[in-house]
C-alpha atoms as a PDB file:
ATOM      1  CA  UNK A   1     127.425 125.620  84.364  1.00  0.00           C
ATOM      2  CA  UNK A   2     128.439 125.383  88.019  1.00  0.00           C
ATOM      3  CA  UNK A   3     131.852 124.831  89.664  1.00  0.00           C
ATOM      4  CA  UNK A   4     132.161 122.482  92.654  1.00  0.00           C
ATOM      5  CA  UNK A   5     134.825 120.473  94.448  1.00  0.00           C
ATOM      6  CA  UNK A   6     134.818 116.687  94.471  1.00  0.00           C
ATOM      7  CA  UNK A   7     133.686 115.361  97.860  1.00  0.00           C
ATOM      8  CA  UNK A   8     134.106 111.663  97.013  1.00  0.00           C
ATOM      9  CA  UNK A   9     137.862 111.425  97.826  1.00  0.00           C
ATOM     10  CA  UNK A  10     138.398 110.159  94.292  1.00  0.00           C
ATOM     11  CA  UNK A  11     139.204 111.635  90.896  1.00  0.00           C
ATOM     12  CA  UNK A  12     136.694 113.825  89.115  1.00  0.00           C
ATOM     13  CA  UNK A  13     135.752 111.848  86.009  1.00  0.00           C
ATOM     14  CA  UNK A  14     134.318 113.274  82.821  1.00  0.00           C
ATOM     15  CA  UNK A  15     130.822 112.015  82.066  1.00  0.00           C
ATOM     16  CA  UNK A  16     129.938 110.940  85.612  1.00  0.00           C
ATOM     17  CA  UNK A  17     126.600 112.149  87.009  1.00  0.00           C
ATOM     18  CA  UNK A  18     126.870 114.461  90.025  1.00  0.00           C
ATOM     19  CA  UNK A  19     124.512 115.196  92.898  1.00  0.00           C
ATOM     20  CA  UNK A  20     124.621 117.792  95.661  1.00  0.00           C
ATOM     21  CA  UNK A  21     126.770 117.086  98.721  1.00  0.00           C
ATOM     22  CA  UNK A  22     125.838 117.768 102.326  1.00  0.00           C
ATOM     23  CA  UNK A  23     128.968 119.930 102.409  1.00  0.00           C
ATOM     24  CA  UNK A  24     128.642 123.341 100.758  1.00  0.00           C
ATOM     25  CA  UNK A  25     130.671 123.779  97.576  1.00  0.00           C
ATOM     26  CA  UNK A  26     131.111 120.027  96.966  1.00  0.00           C
ATOM     27  CA  UNK A  27     129.476 117.354  94.855  1.00  0.00           C
ATOM     28  CA  UNK A  28     129.222 113.570  95.045  1.00  0.00           C
ATOM     29  CA  UNK A  29     128.515 110.951  92.419  1.00  0.00           C
ATOM     30  CA  UNK A  30     124.807 110.217  92.043  1.00  0.00           C
ATOM     31  CA  UNK A  31     123.330 106.770  92.546  1.00  0.00           C
ATOM     32  CA  UNK A  32     120.064 105.215  91.454  1.00  0.00           C
ATOM     33  CA  UNK A  33     117.202 107.151  93.054  1.00  0.00           C
ATOM     34  CA  UNK A  34     119.205 110.373  93.575  1.00  0.00           C
ATOM     35  CA  UNK A  35     118.419 113.724  91.964  1.00  0.00           C
ATOM     36  CA  UNK A  36     121.315 114.677  89.650  1.00  0.00           C
ATOM     37  CA  UNK A  37     122.501 118.276  89.340  1.00  0.00           C
ATOM     38  CA  UNK A  38     124.633 117.830  86.231  1.00  0.00           C
ATOM     39  CA  UNK A  39     127.423 116.006  84.388  1.00  0.00           C
ATOM     40  CA  UNK A  40     131.122 116.345  85.272  1.00  0.00           C
ATOM     41  CA  UNK A  41     132.930 117.951  82.285  1.00  0.00           C
ATOM     42  CA  UNK A  42     136.500 118.043  83.596  1.00  0.00           C
ATOM     43  CA  UNK A  43     138.914 115.501  85.047  1.00  0.00           C
ATOM     44  CA  UNK A  44     141.011 116.509  88.068  1.00  0.00           C
ATOM     45  CA  UNK A  45     142.333 114.890  91.225  1.00  0.00           C
ATOM     46  CA  UNK A  46     140.385 115.703  94.364  1.00  0.00           C
ATOM     47  CA  UNK A  47     139.683 118.256  95.729  1.00  0.00           C
ATOM     48  CA  UNK A  48     140.213 120.512  92.676  1.00  0.00           C
ATOM     49  CA  UNK A  49     137.164 122.382  91.449  1.00  0.00           C
ATOM     50  CA  UNK A  50     135.585 121.106  88.225  1.00  0.00           C
ATOM     51  CA  UNK A  51     132.813 122.360  86.006  1.00  0.00           C
ATOM     52  CA  UNK A  52     129.462 120.579  86.089  1.00  0.00           C
ATOM     53  CA  UNK A  53     127.012 121.135  83.241  1.00  0.00           C
ATOM     54  CA  UNK A  54     123.304 120.493  83.555  1.00  0.00           C
ATOM     55  CA  UNK A  55     122.082 120.798  79.967  1.00  0.00           C
ATOM     56  CA  UNK A  56     123.008 120.533  76.314  1.00  0.00           C
ATOM     57  CA  UNK A  57     125.057 117.959  74.388  1.00  0.00           C
ATOM     58  CA  UNK A  58     127.472 116.452  76.894  1.00  0.00           C
ATOM     59  CA  UNK A  59     129.639 113.356  77.284  1.00  0.00           C
ATOM     60  CA  UNK A  60     128.039 110.849  79.705  1.00  0.00           C
ATOM     61  CA  UNK A  61     129.783 107.683  80.885  1.00  0.00           C
ATOM     62  CA  UNK A  62     127.759 104.541  80.054  1.00  0.00           C
ATOM     63  CA  UNK A  63     128.217 101.200  81.780  1.00  0.00           C
ATOM     64  CA  UNK A  64     126.616  99.368  78.814  1.00  0.00           C
ATOM     65  CA  UNK A  65     126.547 100.016  75.097  1.00  0.00           C
ATOM     66  CA  UNK A  66     123.917 102.450  73.835  1.00  0.00           C
ATOM     67  CA  UNK A  67     122.579 103.063  70.358  1.00  0.00           C
ATOM     68  CA  UNK A  68     121.457 106.284  68.751  1.00  0.00           C
ATOM     69  CA  UNK A  69     118.092 107.281  70.187  1.00  0.00           C
ATOM     70  CA  UNK A  70     118.301 105.198  73.371  1.00  0.00           C
ATOM     71  CA  UNK A  71     117.227 106.790  76.636  1.00  0.00           C
ATOM     72  CA  UNK A  72     119.998 106.997  79.246  1.00  0.00           C
ATOM     73  CA  UNK A  73     119.201 106.527  82.971  1.00  0.00           C
ATOM     74  CA  UNK A  74     121.043 106.181  86.264  1.00  0.00           C
ATOM     75  CA  UNK A  75     122.071 102.546  86.713  1.00  0.00           C
ATOM     76  CA  UNK A  76     120.676 100.371  89.493  1.00  0.00           C
ATOM     77  CA  UNK A  77     122.380  96.992  89.100  1.00  0.00           C
ATOM     78  CA  UNK A  78     125.179  95.166  87.266  1.00  0.00           C
ATOM     79  CA  UNK A  79     127.836  96.376  89.723  1.00  0.00           C
ATOM     80  CA  UNK A  80     128.163  99.723  87.971  1.00  0.00           C
ATOM     81  CA  UNK A  81     129.928 102.429  90.043  1.00  0.00           C
ATOM     82  CA  UNK A  82     128.091 105.477  91.325  1.00  0.00           C
ATOM     83  CA  UNK A  83     127.731 108.241  88.771  1.00  0.00           C
ATOM     84  CA  UNK A  84     127.452 105.945  85.727  1.00  0.00           C
ATOM     85  CA  UNK A  85     124.448 105.321  83.506  1.00  0.00           C
ATOM     86  CA  UNK A  86     122.898 102.566  81.393  1.00  0.00           C
ATOM     87  CA  UNK A  87     120.800 102.740  78.196  1.00  0.00           C
ATOM     88  CA  UNK A  88     117.071 102.038  78.350  1.00  0.00           C
ATOM     89  CA  UNK A  89     114.784 101.146  75.440  1.00  0.00           C
ATOM     90  CA  UNK A  90     111.445 101.553  77.148  1.00  0.00           C
ATOM     91  CA  UNK A  91     109.592 104.094  79.257  1.00  0.00           C
ATOM     92  CA  UNK A  92     110.833 104.340  82.844  1.00  0.00           C
ATOM     93  CA  UNK A  93     110.164 106.183  86.068  1.00  0.00           C
ATOM     94  CA  UNK A  94     113.901 106.222  86.831  1.00  0.00           C
ATOM     95  CA  UNK A  95     116.087 109.321  86.719  1.00  0.00           C
ATOM     96  CA  UNK A  96     116.318 110.113  83.021  1.00  0.00           C
ATOM     97  CA  UNK A  97     119.441 111.914  81.777  1.00  0.00           C
ATOM     98  CA  UNK A  98     118.710 112.230  78.062  1.00  0.00           C
ATOM     99  CA  UNK A  99     118.884 110.666  74.587  1.00  0.00           C
ATOM    100  CA  UNK A 100     122.044 109.076  73.178  1.00  0.00           C
ATOM    101  CA  UNK A 101     123.269 110.921  70.078  1.00  0.00           C
ATOM    102  CA  UNK A 102     125.798 108.265  69.004  1.00  0.00           C
ATOM    103  CA  UNK A 103     126.422 104.545  69.344  1.00  0.00           C
ATOM    104  CA  UNK A 104     128.956 103.023  71.723  1.00  0.00           C
ATOM    105  CA  UNK A 105     130.023 102.484  75.284  1.00  0.00           C
ATOM    106  CA  UNK A 106     132.011 104.623  77.679  1.00  0.00           C
ATOM    107  CA  UNK A 107     131.932 108.367  77.001  1.00  0.00           C
ATOM    108  CA  UNK A 108     128.921 108.807  74.725  1.00  0.00           C
ATOM    109  CA  UNK A 109     127.464 112.110  73.554  1.00  0.00           C
ATOM    110  CA  UNK A 110     124.018 112.617  75.121  1.00  0.00           C
ATOM    111  CA  UNK A 111     121.472 115.391  74.871  1.00  0.00           C
ATOM    112  CA  UNK A 112     121.173 116.232  78.593  1.00  0.00           C
ATOM    113  CA  UNK A 113     118.006 117.917  79.831  1.00  0.00           C
ATOM    114  CA  UNK A 114     117.869 117.475  83.586  1.00  0.00           C
ATOM    115  CA  UNK A 115     114.428 118.073  85.074  1.00  0.00           C
ATOM    116  CA  UNK A 116     112.676 117.197  88.318  1.00  0.00           C
ATOM    117  CA  UNK A 117     109.530 116.270  86.372  1.00  0.00           C
ATOM    118  CA  UNK A 118     110.531 113.830  83.583  1.00  0.00           C
ATOM    119  CA  UNK A 119     108.060 113.671  80.748  1.00  0.00           C
ATOM    120  CA  UNK A 120     107.876 117.370  79.925  1.00  0.00           C
ATOM    121  CA  UNK A 121     110.318 117.258  77.046  1.00  0.00           C
ATOM    122  CA  UNK A 122     110.860 114.903  74.116  1.00  0.00           C
ATOM    123  CA  UNK A 123     114.327 114.114  75.414  1.00  0.00           C
ATOM    124  CA  UNK A 124     112.971 112.931  78.795  1.00  0.00           C
ATOM    125  CA  UNK A 125     109.858 110.806  78.102  1.00  0.00           C
ATOM    126  CA  UNK A 126     108.017 109.545  81.175  1.00  0.00           C
ATOM    127  CA  UNK A 127     104.919 110.462  83.177  1.00  0.00           C
ATOM    128  CA  UNK A 128     103.253 113.586  81.728  1.00  0.00           C
ATOM    129  CA  UNK A 129     102.485 116.521  83.961  1.00  0.00           C
ATOM    130  CA  UNK A 130      98.964 117.433  85.046  1.00  0.00           C
ATOM    131  CA  UNK A 131      96.182 114.975  85.759  1.00  0.00           C
ATOM    132  CA  UNK A 132      93.857 114.878  88.752  1.00  0.00           C
ATOM    133  CA  UNK A 133      92.988 112.555  91.618  1.00  0.00           C
ATOM    134  CA  UNK A 134      91.464 109.298  90.402  1.00  0.00           C
ATOM    135  CA  UNK A 135      92.738 109.558  86.823  1.00  0.00           C
ATOM    136  CA  UNK A 136      95.005 106.984  85.221  1.00  0.00           C
ATOM    137  CA  UNK A 137      97.450 106.876  82.299  1.00  0.00           C
ATOM    138  CA  UNK A 138      96.191 105.464  79.011  1.00  0.00           C
ATOM    139  CA  UNK A 139      97.768 105.100  75.570  1.00  0.00           C
ATOM    140  CA  UNK A 140      96.759 107.774  73.103  1.00  0.00           C
ATOM    141  CA  UNK A 141      98.261 105.934  70.120  1.00  0.00           C
ATOM    142  CA  UNK A 142     100.634 103.112  69.259  1.00  0.00           C
ATOM    143  CA  UNK A 143     103.638 105.454  69.454  1.00  0.00           C
ATOM    144  CA  UNK A 144     106.135 105.046  72.263  1.00  0.00           C
ATOM    145  CA  UNK A 145     105.550 107.317  75.254  1.00  0.00           C
ATOM    146  CA  UNK A 146     102.278 108.636  73.813  1.00  0.00           C
ATOM    147  CA  UNK A 147     100.197 108.565  77.001  1.00  0.00           C
ATOM    148  CA  UNK A 148      97.687 110.889  78.630  1.00  0.00           C
ATOM    149  CA  UNK A 149      95.735 111.252  81.833  1.00  0.00           C
ATOM    150  CA  UNK A 150      92.251 109.690  81.502  1.00  0.00           C
ATOM    151  CA  UNK A 151      89.123 109.657  83.652  1.00  0.00           C
ATOM    152  CA  UNK A 152      87.620 106.187  84.044  1.00  0.00           C
ATOM    153  CA  UNK A 153      84.143 105.708  82.593  1.00  0.00           C
ATOM    154  CA  UNK A 154      81.355 104.270  84.773  1.00  0.00           C
ATOM    155  CA  UNK A 155      81.187 104.254  88.570  1.00  0.00           C
ATOM    156  CA  UNK A 156      82.315 101.993  91.425  1.00  0.00           C
ATOM    157  CA  UNK A 157      85.691 100.948  92.688  1.00  0.00           C
ATOM    158  CA  UNK A 158      85.524  97.119  92.451  1.00  0.00           C
ATOM    159  CA  UNK A 159      85.596  94.590  89.638  1.00  0.00           C
ATOM    160  CA  UNK A 160      83.284  91.587  89.413  1.00  0.00           C
ATOM    161  CA  UNK A 161      86.405  89.421  89.360  1.00  0.00           C
ATOM    162  CA  UNK A 162      87.007  90.616  92.940  1.00  0.00           C
ATOM    163  CA  UNK A 163      83.561  90.442  94.544  1.00  0.00           C
ATOM    164  CA  UNK A 164      82.050  87.721  92.306  1.00  0.00           C
ATOM    165  CA  UNK A 165      84.882  85.362  91.313  1.00  0.00           C
ATOM    166  CA  UNK A 166      82.420  82.459  90.838  1.00  0.00           C
ATOM    167  CA  UNK A 167      80.162  84.543  88.507  1.00  0.00           C
ATOM    168  CA  UNK A 168      77.069  83.975  90.671  1.00  0.00           C
ATOM    169  CA  UNK A 169      75.710  87.335  89.471  1.00  0.00           C
ATOM    170  CA  UNK A 170      73.257  87.644  92.357  1.00  0.00           C
ATOM    171  CA  UNK A 171      72.761  89.360  95.712  1.00  0.00           C
ATOM    172  CA  UNK A 172      76.168  89.412  97.400  1.00  0.00           C
ATOM    173  CA  UNK A 173      74.485  89.688 100.853  1.00  0.00           C
ATOM    174  CA  UNK A 174      72.233  86.632 100.410  1.00  0.00           C
ATOM    175  CA  UNK A 175      73.600  83.812 102.602  1.00  0.00           C
ATOM    176  CA  UNK A 176      72.647  81.264  99.939  1.00  0.00           C
ATOM    177  CA  UNK A 177      75.187  82.924  97.633  1.00  0.00           C
ATOM    178  CA  UNK A 178      78.013  82.802 100.189  1.00  0.00           C
ATOM    179  CA  UNK A 179      80.854  80.250 100.055  1.00  0.00           C
ATOM    180  CA  UNK A 180      82.532  78.663 103.062  1.00  0.00           C
ATOM    181  CA  UNK A 181      86.293  78.630 103.514  1.00  0.00           C
ATOM    182  CA  UNK A 182      88.451  76.121 105.361  1.00  0.00           C
ATOM    183  CA  UNK A 183      88.073  78.118 108.603  1.00  0.00           C
ATOM    184  CA  UNK A 184      85.045  80.413 108.204  1.00  0.00           C
ATOM    185  CA  UNK A 185      81.776  78.456 108.059  1.00  0.00           C
ATOM    186  CA  UNK A 186      78.075  79.223 107.495  1.00  0.00           C
ATOM    187  CA  UNK A 187      75.598  77.937 110.115  1.00  0.00           C
ATOM    188  CA  UNK A 188      72.518  76.098 108.863  1.00  0.00           C
ATOM    189  CA  UNK A 189      69.128  76.597 110.558  1.00  0.00           C
ATOM    190  CA  UNK A 190      69.492  73.134 112.146  1.00  0.00           C
ATOM    191  CA  UNK A 191      72.885  74.038 113.596  1.00  0.00           C
ATOM    192  CA  UNK A 192      71.552  77.348 114.938  1.00  0.00           C
ATOM    193  CA  UNK A 193      68.653  75.547 116.659  1.00  0.00           C
ATOM    194  CA  UNK A 194      71.064  73.072 118.250  1.00  0.00           C
ATOM    195  CA  UNK A 195      73.310  75.838 119.545  1.00  0.00           C
ATOM    196  CA  UNK A 196      70.395  77.825 120.963  1.00  0.00           C
ATOM    197  CA  UNK A 197      69.264  74.735 122.918  1.00  0.00           C
ATOM    198  CA  UNK A 198      72.581  74.411 124.806  1.00  0.00           C
ATOM    199  CA  UNK A 199      72.278  75.714 128.341  1.00  0.00           C
ATOM    200  CA  UNK A 200      74.524  78.539 129.471  1.00  0.00           C
ATOM    201  CA  UNK A 201      77.703  77.232 131.119  1.00  0.00           C
ATOM    202  CA  UNK A 202      77.285  73.715 129.696  1.00  0.00           C
ATOM    203  CA  UNK A 203      80.479  71.679 129.350  1.00  0.00           C
ATOM    204  CA  UNK A 204      81.561  68.725 127.232  1.00  0.00           C
ATOM    205  CA  UNK A 205      80.849  65.317 128.811  1.00  0.00           C
ATOM    206  CA  UNK A 206      83.895  63.494 130.163  1.00  0.00           C
ATOM    207  CA  UNK A 207      84.463  59.919 131.327  1.00  0.00           C
ATOM    208  CA  UNK A 208      84.489  59.539 135.110  1.00  0.00           C
ATOM    209  CA  UNK A 209      87.673  58.194 136.666  1.00  0.00           C
ATOM    210  CA  UNK A 210      87.486  56.479 140.061  1.00  0.00           C
ATOM    211  CA  UNK A 211      91.124  57.294 140.744  1.00  0.00           C
ATOM    212  CA  UNK A 212      90.921  60.975 139.760  1.00  0.00           C
ATOM    213  CA  UNK A 213      91.351  63.389 142.659  1.00  0.00           C
ATOM    214  CA  UNK A 214      90.657  66.619 140.730  1.00  0.00           C
ATOM    215  CA  UNK A 215      89.319  67.898 137.418  1.00  0.00           C
ATOM    216  CA  UNK A 216      86.152  67.105 135.481  1.00  0.00           C
ATOM    217  CA  UNK A 217      86.693  63.332 135.655  1.00  0.00           C
ATOM    218  CA  UNK A 218      86.792  63.238 139.488  1.00  0.00           C
ATOM    219  CA  UNK A 219      83.900  61.333 141.090  1.00  0.00           C
ATOM    220  CA  UNK A 220      82.541  63.316 144.019  1.00  0.00           C
ATOM    221  CA  UNK A 221      80.881  61.819 147.081  1.00  0.00           C
ATOM    222  CA  UNK A 222      82.019  58.268 146.325  1.00  0.00           C
ATOM    223  CA  UNK A 223      80.141  55.845 148.606  1.00  0.00           C
ATOM    224  CA  UNK A 224      82.179  54.092 151.286  1.00  0.00           C
ATOM    225  CA  UNK A 225      82.473  50.340 151.423  1.00  0.00           C
ATOM    226  CA  UNK A 226      82.804  49.695 147.683  1.00  0.00           C
ATOM    227  CA  UNK A 227      85.977  47.692 147.219  1.00  0.00           C
ATOM    228  CA  UNK A 228      88.128  47.856 144.097  1.00  0.00           C
ATOM    229  CA  UNK A 229      88.458  44.726 141.982  1.00  0.00           C
ATOM    230  CA  UNK A 230      91.560  42.577 142.076  1.00  0.00           C
ATOM    231  CA  UNK A 231      92.476  43.812 138.598  1.00  0.00           C
ATOM    232  CA  UNK A 232      92.220  47.407 139.831  1.00  0.00           C
ATOM    233  CA  UNK A 233      94.488  46.684 142.824  1.00  0.00           C
ATOM    234  CA  UNK A 234      97.057  44.978 140.540  1.00  0.00           C
ATOM    235  CA  UNK A 235      96.944  47.935 138.165  1.00  0.00           C
ATOM    236  CA  UNK A 236      97.531  50.303 141.076  1.00  0.00           C
ATOM    237  CA  UNK A 237     100.492  48.242 142.231  1.00  0.00           C
ATOM    238  CA  UNK A 238     101.921  48.003 138.703  1.00  0.00           C
ATOM    239  CA  UNK A 239     101.774  51.776 138.348  1.00  0.00           C
ATOM    240  CA  UNK A 240     102.942  52.363 141.935  1.00  0.00           C
ATOM    241  CA  UNK A 241      99.737  54.298 142.415  1.00  0.00           C
ATOM    242  CA  UNK A 242      99.966  54.560 146.188  1.00  0.00           C
ATOM    243  CA  UNK A 243     101.347  57.042 148.680  1.00  0.00           C
ATOM    244  CA  UNK A 244     104.298  55.864 150.860  1.00  0.00           C
ATOM    245  CA  UNK A 245     104.067  56.404 154.596  1.00  0.00           C
ATOM    246  CA  UNK A 246     106.542  55.241 157.238  1.00  0.00           C
ATOM    247  CA  UNK A 247     109.639  53.744 155.573  1.00  0.00           C
ATOM    248  CA  UNK A 248     112.018  51.194 157.104  1.00  0.00           C
ATOM    249  CA  UNK A 249     115.508  50.744 155.634  1.00  0.00           C
ATOM    250  CA  UNK A 250     118.358  48.308 156.248  1.00  0.00           C
ATOM    251  CA  UNK A 251     121.874  49.342 157.259  1.00  0.00           C
ATOM    252  CA  UNK A 252     122.744  50.051 153.599  1.00  0.00           C
ATOM    253  CA  UNK A 253     119.756  52.352 153.117  1.00  0.00           C
ATOM    254  CA  UNK A 254     117.691  49.882 151.097  1.00  0.00           C
ATOM    255  CA  UNK A 255     113.914  49.963 151.703  1.00  0.00           C
ATOM    256  CA  UNK A 256     112.778  46.803 153.450  1.00  0.00           C
ATOM    257  CA  UNK A 257     109.194  47.817 154.261  1.00  0.00           C
ATOM    258  CA  UNK A 258     106.823  50.782 154.394  1.00  0.00           C
ATOM    259  CA  UNK A 259     103.215  51.627 155.057  1.00  0.00           C
ATOM    260  CA  UNK A 260     101.149  52.823 152.081  1.00  0.00           C
ATOM    261  CA  UNK A 261      97.799  54.461 151.355  1.00  0.00           C
ATOM    262  CA  UNK A 262      95.957  53.289 148.212  1.00  0.00           C
ATOM    263  CA  UNK A 263      93.871  55.579 145.950  1.00  0.00           C
ATOM    264  CA  UNK A 264      90.657  54.349 147.676  1.00  0.00           C
ATOM    265  CA  UNK A 265      92.176  55.390 151.050  1.00  0.00           C
ATOM    266  CA  UNK A 266      92.767  51.792 152.109  1.00  0.00           C
ATOM    267  CA  UNK A 267      95.936  51.191 154.116  1.00  0.00           C
ATOM    268  CA  UNK A 268      98.544  48.622 153.183  1.00  0.00           C
ATOM    269  CA  UNK A 269     102.074  47.435 153.788  1.00  0.00           C
ATOM    270  CA  UNK A 270     104.929  47.093 151.283  1.00  0.00           C
ATOM    271  CA  UNK A 271     107.555  44.418 152.107  1.00  0.00           C
ATOM    272  CA  UNK A 272     110.735  43.806 150.105  1.00  0.00           C
ATOM    273  CA  UNK A 273     111.560  40.104 149.460  1.00  0.00           C
ATOM    274  CA  UNK A 274     114.138  37.860 147.797  1.00  0.00           C
ATOM    275  CA  UNK A 275     117.339  39.660 148.700  1.00  0.00           C
ATOM    276  CA  UNK A 276     120.000  39.196 145.977  1.00  0.00           C
ATOM    277  CA  UNK A 277     123.391  39.130 147.713  1.00  0.00           C
ATOM    278  CA  UNK A 278     125.284  39.159 144.408  1.00  0.00           C
ATOM    279  CA  UNK A 279     123.833  42.468 143.283  1.00  0.00           C
ATOM    280  CA  UNK A 280     122.780  43.680 146.766  1.00  0.00           C
ATOM    281  CA  UNK A 281     119.170  44.405 145.801  1.00  0.00           C
ATOM    282  CA  UNK A 282     115.739  42.966 146.595  1.00  0.00           C
ATOM    283  CA  UNK A 283     114.327  41.065 143.614  1.00  0.00           C
ATOM    284  CA  UNK A 284     110.709  40.833 144.778  1.00  0.00           C
ATOM    285  CA  UNK A 285     108.076  42.373 147.031  1.00  0.00           C
ATOM    286  CA  UNK A 286     104.578  42.012 148.468  1.00  0.00           C
ATOM    287  CA  UNK A 287     102.077  44.786 149.109  1.00  0.00           C
ATOM    288  CA  UNK A 288      98.835  44.362 151.001  1.00  0.00           C
ATOM    289  CA  UNK A 289      95.452  46.069 150.513  1.00  0.00           C
ATOM    290  CA  UNK A 290      93.974  46.103 154.001  1.00  0.00           C
ATOM    291  CA  UNK A 291      90.294  46.805 153.182  1.00  0.00           C
ATOM    292  CA  UNK A 292      90.044  43.941 150.672  1.00  0.00           C
ATOM    293  CA  UNK A 293      92.450  41.651 152.554  1.00  0.00           C
ATOM    294  CA  UNK A 294      94.315  41.058 149.297  1.00  0.00           C
ATOM    295  CA  UNK A 295      98.058  40.848 148.768  1.00  0.00           C
ATOM    296  CA  UNK A 296      99.866  41.666 145.500  1.00  0.00           C
ATOM    297  CA  UNK A 297     103.057  39.630 144.988  1.00  0.00           C
ATOM    298  CA  UNK A 298     106.007  40.344 142.727  1.00  0.00           C
ATOM    299  CA  UNK A 299     107.979  37.107 142.500  1.00  0.00           C
ATOM    300  CA  UNK A 300     111.755  37.375 142.229  1.00  0.00           C
ATOM    301  CA  UNK A 301     113.050  38.774 138.948  1.00  0.00           C
ATOM    302  CA  UNK A 302     115.952  37.204 137.031  1.00  0.00           C
ATOM    303  CA  UNK A 303     119.084  39.268 136.413  1.00  0.00           C
ATOM    304  CA  UNK A 304     122.120  38.840 134.172  1.00  0.00           C
ATOM    305  CA  UNK A 305     125.726  39.122 135.314  1.00  0.00           C
ATOM    306  CA  UNK A 306     125.533  42.913 135.079  1.00  0.00           C
ATOM    307  CA  UNK A 307     122.510  43.029 137.369  1.00  0.00           C
ATOM    308  CA  UNK A 308     120.044  44.039 134.635  1.00  0.00           C
ATOM    309  CA  UNK A 309     116.582  42.443 134.864  1.00  0.00           C
ATOM    310  CA  UNK A 310     116.105  39.858 132.111  1.00  0.00           C
ATOM    311  CA  UNK A 311     112.873  38.236 133.310  1.00  0.00           C
ATOM    312  CA  UNK A 312     110.126  39.799 135.412  1.00  0.00           C
ATOM    313  CA  UNK A 313     107.212  37.538 136.467  1.00  0.00           C
ATOM    314  CA  UNK A 314     103.712  39.003 136.240  1.00  0.00           C
ATOM    315  CA  UNK A 315     102.129  40.367 139.438  1.00  0.00           C
ATOM    316  CA  UNK A 316      99.728  38.041 141.232  1.00  0.00           C
ATOM    317  CA  UNK A 317      97.034  38.767 143.819  1.00  0.00           C
ATOM    318  CA  UNK A 318      95.518  36.540 146.428  1.00  0.00           C
END
């Protein structure tokens, strides 16, 4: 029997499980996973000293109803307050307080045998003491809690269900017995031969692009004098694939003409046409391709009353 003060700022309650406090001479109510030092046997307002017993037949407060013979443990769930217990009808690795000696709920008489190594007494069944590295617990009989440390028979540390789930029952290092996954694959001899024939630094083939100015698709050393087709010039104009040069604007800042350079380095001239006085914009344009002597024409577009384009004629070249 020990005497300590209550460090919880609450009343000392009979039957609540106590644990040591960080402050000398005080106790706190134990929670699941704590190491209890005893059961409160007196009720007093804080901070009066109360007696705490750690063995024998004591009253323990239960959060749920217990029956004679049930094991009593520290509670983990169900919203039970710290220091209370619940009955348990199976073996557990939890903190075991003892065996219920009567039926009921609330303050129930329990045979308390606190120990740091549960399993050493009949009143605290659990993991038995002893054993050695590599041993495991096995049932000695059909009786509850009748277990013992056992050394496994045979050798090895893997089961066939782990290393041979498909029951191939053959050489695990033979590639013919391996199985591919969705990401890890097995090379065939044909695939290995193909890979070994690829020159160092080889790259994937790409489609050449006459208009490309960089990257793998760029055509180097393009011969001079090869003119683009009319369709190519129209496509360039449609995509505005030309670089503007000298720009001329009217008094309102609208572009009326400018020099351009096409992707094949040909010069050209852009000229705005079909001035729309209602909406103060140019509705058409022409743009020349000097090297081919071709001119792309955008005929005047049609606009609604808000100025939005409703009809745009196709580009022509001549």
